[in-house]
């Protein structure tokens, strides 16, 4: 099958098409009386010339895998969309807290994309990324599933209090995570300010 696909690719290639055009020109020269019995040799030669001078087919760019930060952004947005669609089933304040969690996680992921130039941040990035993934993939879905799929026998007020407490803990954890991930742009701005103050003799 691999050999068959290779043959098909060549038959459809620019080089083969150019070679076939050259061969047809050789046949045309024979029919016009320009070349005699040697026309097969001429056709083969023109095919070879056409195949040699034709540009190669463009190489398809390999598909790039999305980064984990991009995947987590999409998954976080999916959790927020779920909450928006089921807001009527959720207690007051739940959507606002989830929105804060998702916004904070997005901030963390954006910062993690920019820590390449910060040695300390680069070393800690895998752990911080794992913490963000834990929030998006485990903690937040588990809280929402537990509340939305609770049995009818569960008192609504009790379930609402539990969900509120769980979301507040996740929100606080997301805030702490954001505080541990350096804002590279803010750090560069602060460094520039200090350098300019030193240069101009200001404190």
Protein backbone atom coordinates (compact mmCIF):
# COMPACT_ATOMS: atom_id res chain seq x y z
CA UNK A 1 0.00 0.00 0.00
CA UNK A 2 2.86 2.38 0.77
CA UNK A 3 4.38 1.80 -2.68
CA UNK A 4 1.00 2.31 -4.35
CA UNK A 5 0.50 5.63 -2.54
CA UNK A 6 3.99 6.74 -3.59
CA UNK A 7 3.16 5.96 -7.23
CA UNK A 8 -0.13 7.86 -6.96
CA UNK A 9 1.65 10.86 -5.45
CA UNK A 10 4.17 10.90 -8.31
CA UNK A 11 1.48 10.54 -10.98
CA UNK A 12 -0.27 13.59 -9.53
CA UNK A 13 2.95 15.55 -9.05
CA UNK A 14 4.02 18.66 -10.93
CA UNK A 15 7.11 16.87 -12.24
CA UNK A 16 5.11 14.08 -13.85
CA UNK A 17 2.63 16.53 -15.36
CA UNK A 18 5.46 18.63 -16.82
CA UNK A 19 7.13 15.49 -18.15
CA UNK A 20 3.91 14.33 -19.79
CA UNK A 21 3.55 17.72 -21.47
CA UNK A 22 7.08 17.38 -22.81
CA UNK A 23 6.37 13.87 -24.09
CA UNK A 24 3.23 15.09 -25.86
CA UNK A 25 5.32 17.79 -27.51
CA UNK A 26 7.61 15.03 -28.80
CA UNK A 27 4.63 13.14 -30.21
CA UNK A 28 3.39 16.36 -31.80
CA UNK A 29 6.75 16.94 -33.46
CA UNK A 30 6.58 13.43 -34.90
CA UNK A 31 3.08 13.96 -36.25
CA UNK A 32 4.19 17.28 -37.75
CA UNK A 33 7.01 15.51 -39.55
CA UNK A 34 9.75 17.32 -37.65
CA UNK A 35 11.20 14.11 -36.23
CA UNK A 36 11.08 10.72 -37.84
CA UNK A 37 11.37 7.26 -36.40
CA UNK A 38 13.37 8.50 -33.43
CA UNK A 39 10.29 10.21 -31.96
CA UNK A 40 10.07 7.78 -28.97
CA UNK A 41 13.57 8.82 -27.94
CA UNK A 42 12.65 12.49 -28.39
CA UNK A 43 9.45 12.04 -26.36
CA UNK A 44 11.33 10.30 -23.55
CA UNK A 45 14.00 12.99 -23.57
CA UNK A 46 11.44 15.79 -23.43
CA UNK A 47 9.64 13.98 -20.61
CA UNK A 48 12.89 13.80 -18.65
CA UNK A 49 13.62 17.49 -19.28
CA UNK A 50 10.13 18.51 -18.17
CA UNK A 51 10.33 16.38 -15.04
CA UNK A 52 13.74 17.83 -14.16
CA UNK A 53 12.90 21.50 -14.61
CA UNK A 54 9.44 21.39 -13.00
CA UNK A 55 9.31 22.71 -9.42
CA UNK A 56 8.67 20.14 -6.71
CA UNK A 57 5.27 19.90 -5.10
CA UNK A 58 4.88 22.07 -2.00
CA UNK A 59 5.51 20.17 1.20
CA UNK A 60 2.51 20.21 3.50
CA UNK A 61 3.25 21.81 6.83
CA UNK A 62 2.99 19.28 9.64
CA UNK A 63 0.02 19.87 11.89
CA UNK A 64 1.13 21.50 15.11
CA UNK A 65 -0.24 20.16 18.35
CA UNK A 66 -1.87 22.79 20.56
CA UNK A 67 0.05 23.59 23.72
CA UNK A 68 -1.27 22.41 27.07
CA UNK A 69 -1.99 26.01 28.05
CA UNK A 70 -4.19 26.41 24.95
CA UNK A 71 -5.99 23.15 25.73
CA UNK A 72 -6.60 24.23 29.32
CA UNK A 73 -7.93 27.60 28.14
CA UNK A 74 -10.50 25.84 25.98
CA UNK A 75 -11.46 23.46 28.78
CA UNK A 76 -11.84 26.35 31.22
CA UNK A 77 -14.06 28.18 28.74
CA UNK A 78 -16.11 25.00 28.34
CA UNK A 79 -16.73 24.91 32.10
CA UNK A 80 -17.84 28.54 32.04
CA UNK A 81 -20.14 27.87 29.09
CA UNK A 82 -21.64 24.96 30.98
CA UNK A 83 -22.37 27.20 33.95
CA UNK A 84 -23.91 29.85 31.72
CA UNK A 85 -26.19 27.27 30.10
CA UNK A 86 -27.26 25.83 33.47
CA UNK A 87 -27.37 29.05 35.48
CA UNK A 88 -31.05 28.49 36.30
CA UNK A 89 -30.10 25.29 38.11
CA UNK A 90 -27.30 26.89 40.12
CA UNK A 91 -27.59 28.88 43.35
CA UNK A 92 -27.12 32.68 43.29
CA UNK A 93 -23.49 33.73 43.09
CA UNK A 94 -22.20 30.45 41.65
CA UNK A 95 -21.82 31.78 38.13
CA UNK A 96 -19.98 34.87 39.35
CA UNK A 97 -17.51 32.75 41.34
CA UNK A 98 -16.92 30.36 38.44
CA UNK A 99 -16.35 33.32 36.14
CA UNK A 100 -13.71 34.65 38.56
CA UNK A 101 -12.04 31.23 38.71
CA UNK A 102 -11.89 30.92 34.93
CA UNK A 103 -10.62 34.49 34.52
CA UNK A 104 -7.88 33.86 37.09
CA UNK A 105 -6.87 30.55 35.49
CA UNK A 106 -6.65 32.29 32.10
CA UNK A 107 -4.37 34.90 33.67
CA UNK A 108 -2.16 32.14 35.08
CA UNK A 109 -1.98 30.38 31.71
CA UNK A 110 -1.13 33.63 29.92
CA UNK A 111 1.70 34.25 32.38
CA UNK A 112 2.97 30.69 32.03
CA UNK A 113 3.23 31.24 28.27
CA UNK A 114 5.65 34.12 28.94
CA UNK A 115 7.96 32.73 31.64
CA UNK A 116 10.62 31.47 29.21
CA UNK A 117 12.88 34.44 30.03
CA UNK A 118 12.43 34.14 33.79
CA UNK A 119 14.60 31.37 35.24
CA UNK A 120 12.73 30.96 38.52
CA UNK A 121 9.37 31.03 36.78
CA UNK A 122 10.57 28.58 34.13
CA UNK A 123 11.67 26.07 36.77
CA UNK A 124 8.35 26.30 38.62
CA UNK A 125 6.18 26.38 35.48
CA UNK A 126 5.43 22.61 35.28
CA UNK A 127 4.15 22.56 38.86
CA UNK A 128 2.05 25.69 38.32
CA UNK A 129 0.65 24.24 35.11
CA UNK A 130 -0.29 21.06 36.95
CA UNK A 131 -2.08 23.16 39.58
CA UNK A 132 -4.05 24.97 36.87
CA UNK A 133 -4.94 21.65 35.24
CA UNK A 134 -6.14 20.31 38.60
CA UNK A 135 -8.54 23.25 38.94
CA UNK A 136 -9.86 23.05 35.38
CA UNK A 137 -10.01 19.28 34.92
CA UNK A 138 -10.77 17.94 38.39
CA UNK A 139 -11.89 20.34 41.09
CA UNK A 140 -14.27 22.61 39.19
CA UNK A 141 -16.03 19.85 37.19
CA UNK A 142 -16.34 17.69 40.33
CA UNK A 143 -18.06 20.48 42.28
CA UNK A 144 -20.48 21.25 39.48
CA UNK A 145 -21.24 17.58 38.82
CA UNK A 146 -21.87 16.90 42.51
CA UNK A 147 -24.35 19.75 42.74
CA UNK A 148 -26.13 19.35 39.41
CA UNK A 149 -26.44 15.56 39.72
CA UNK A 150 -27.44 15.44 43.36
CA UNK A 151 -30.32 13.12 44.25
CA UNK A 152 -33.75 14.70 44.82
CA UNK A 153 -33.55 13.76 48.50
CA UNK A 154 -30.69 16.24 49.11
CA UNK A 155 -31.98 19.46 50.73
CA UNK A 156 -31.45 22.32 48.22
CA UNK A 157 -30.13 24.73 50.85
CA UNK A 158 -27.55 22.23 52.04
CA UNK A 159 -26.38 21.50 48.49
CA UNK A 160 -26.16 25.23 47.71
CA UNK A 161 -24.06 25.90 50.81
CA UNK A 162 -21.70 23.06 49.98
CA UNK A 163 -21.26 24.27 46.39
CA UNK A 164 -20.65 27.85 47.53
CA UNK A 165 -18.00 26.69 50.02
CA UNK A 166 -16.30 24.50 47.41
CA UNK A 167 -16.23 27.24 44.78
CA UNK A 168 -14.86 29.76 47.27
CA UNK A 169 -12.02 27.38 48.13
CA UNK A 170 -11.23 26.86 44.44
CA UNK A 171 -11.37 30.62 43.87
CA UNK A 172 -8.96 31.25 46.74
CA UNK A 173 -6.66 28.55 45.40
CA UNK A 174 -6.70 30.13 41.94
CA UNK A 175 -5.84 33.51 43.46
CA UNK A 176 -2.90 32.00 45.35
CA UNK A 177 -1.73 30.28 42.18
CA UNK A 178 -1.83 33.57 40.26
CA UNK A 179 0.23 35.21 43.00
CA UNK A 180 2.91 32.51 42.63
CA UNK A 181 3.25 32.88 38.84
CA UNK A 182 5.39 35.91 37.98
CA UNK A 183 4.04 38.58 35.67
CA UNK A 184 7.03 38.83 33.33
CA UNK A 185 5.82 42.03 31.65
CA UNK A 186 5.26 43.77 34.98
CA UNK A 187 8.70 42.65 36.12
CA UNK A 188 10.33 44.04 32.99
CA UNK A 189 8.51 47.34 33.43
CA UNK A 190 9.69 47.57 37.05
CA UNK A 191 13.28 46.77 36.00
CA UNK A 192 13.13 49.50 33.36
CA UNK A 193 11.81 52.01 35.89
CA UNK A 194 14.62 51.19 38.33
CA UNK A 195 17.23 51.49 35.58
CA UNK A 196 15.87 54.87 34.46
CA UNK A 197 15.81 56.15 38.03
CA UNK A 198 19.42 55.06 38.48
CA UNK A 199 20.41 56.68 35.20
CA UNK A 200 18.72 59.98 35.98
CA UNK A 201 19.75 60.05 39.62
CA UNK A 202 16.28 59.60 41.04
CA UNK A 203 15.14 57.34 43.83
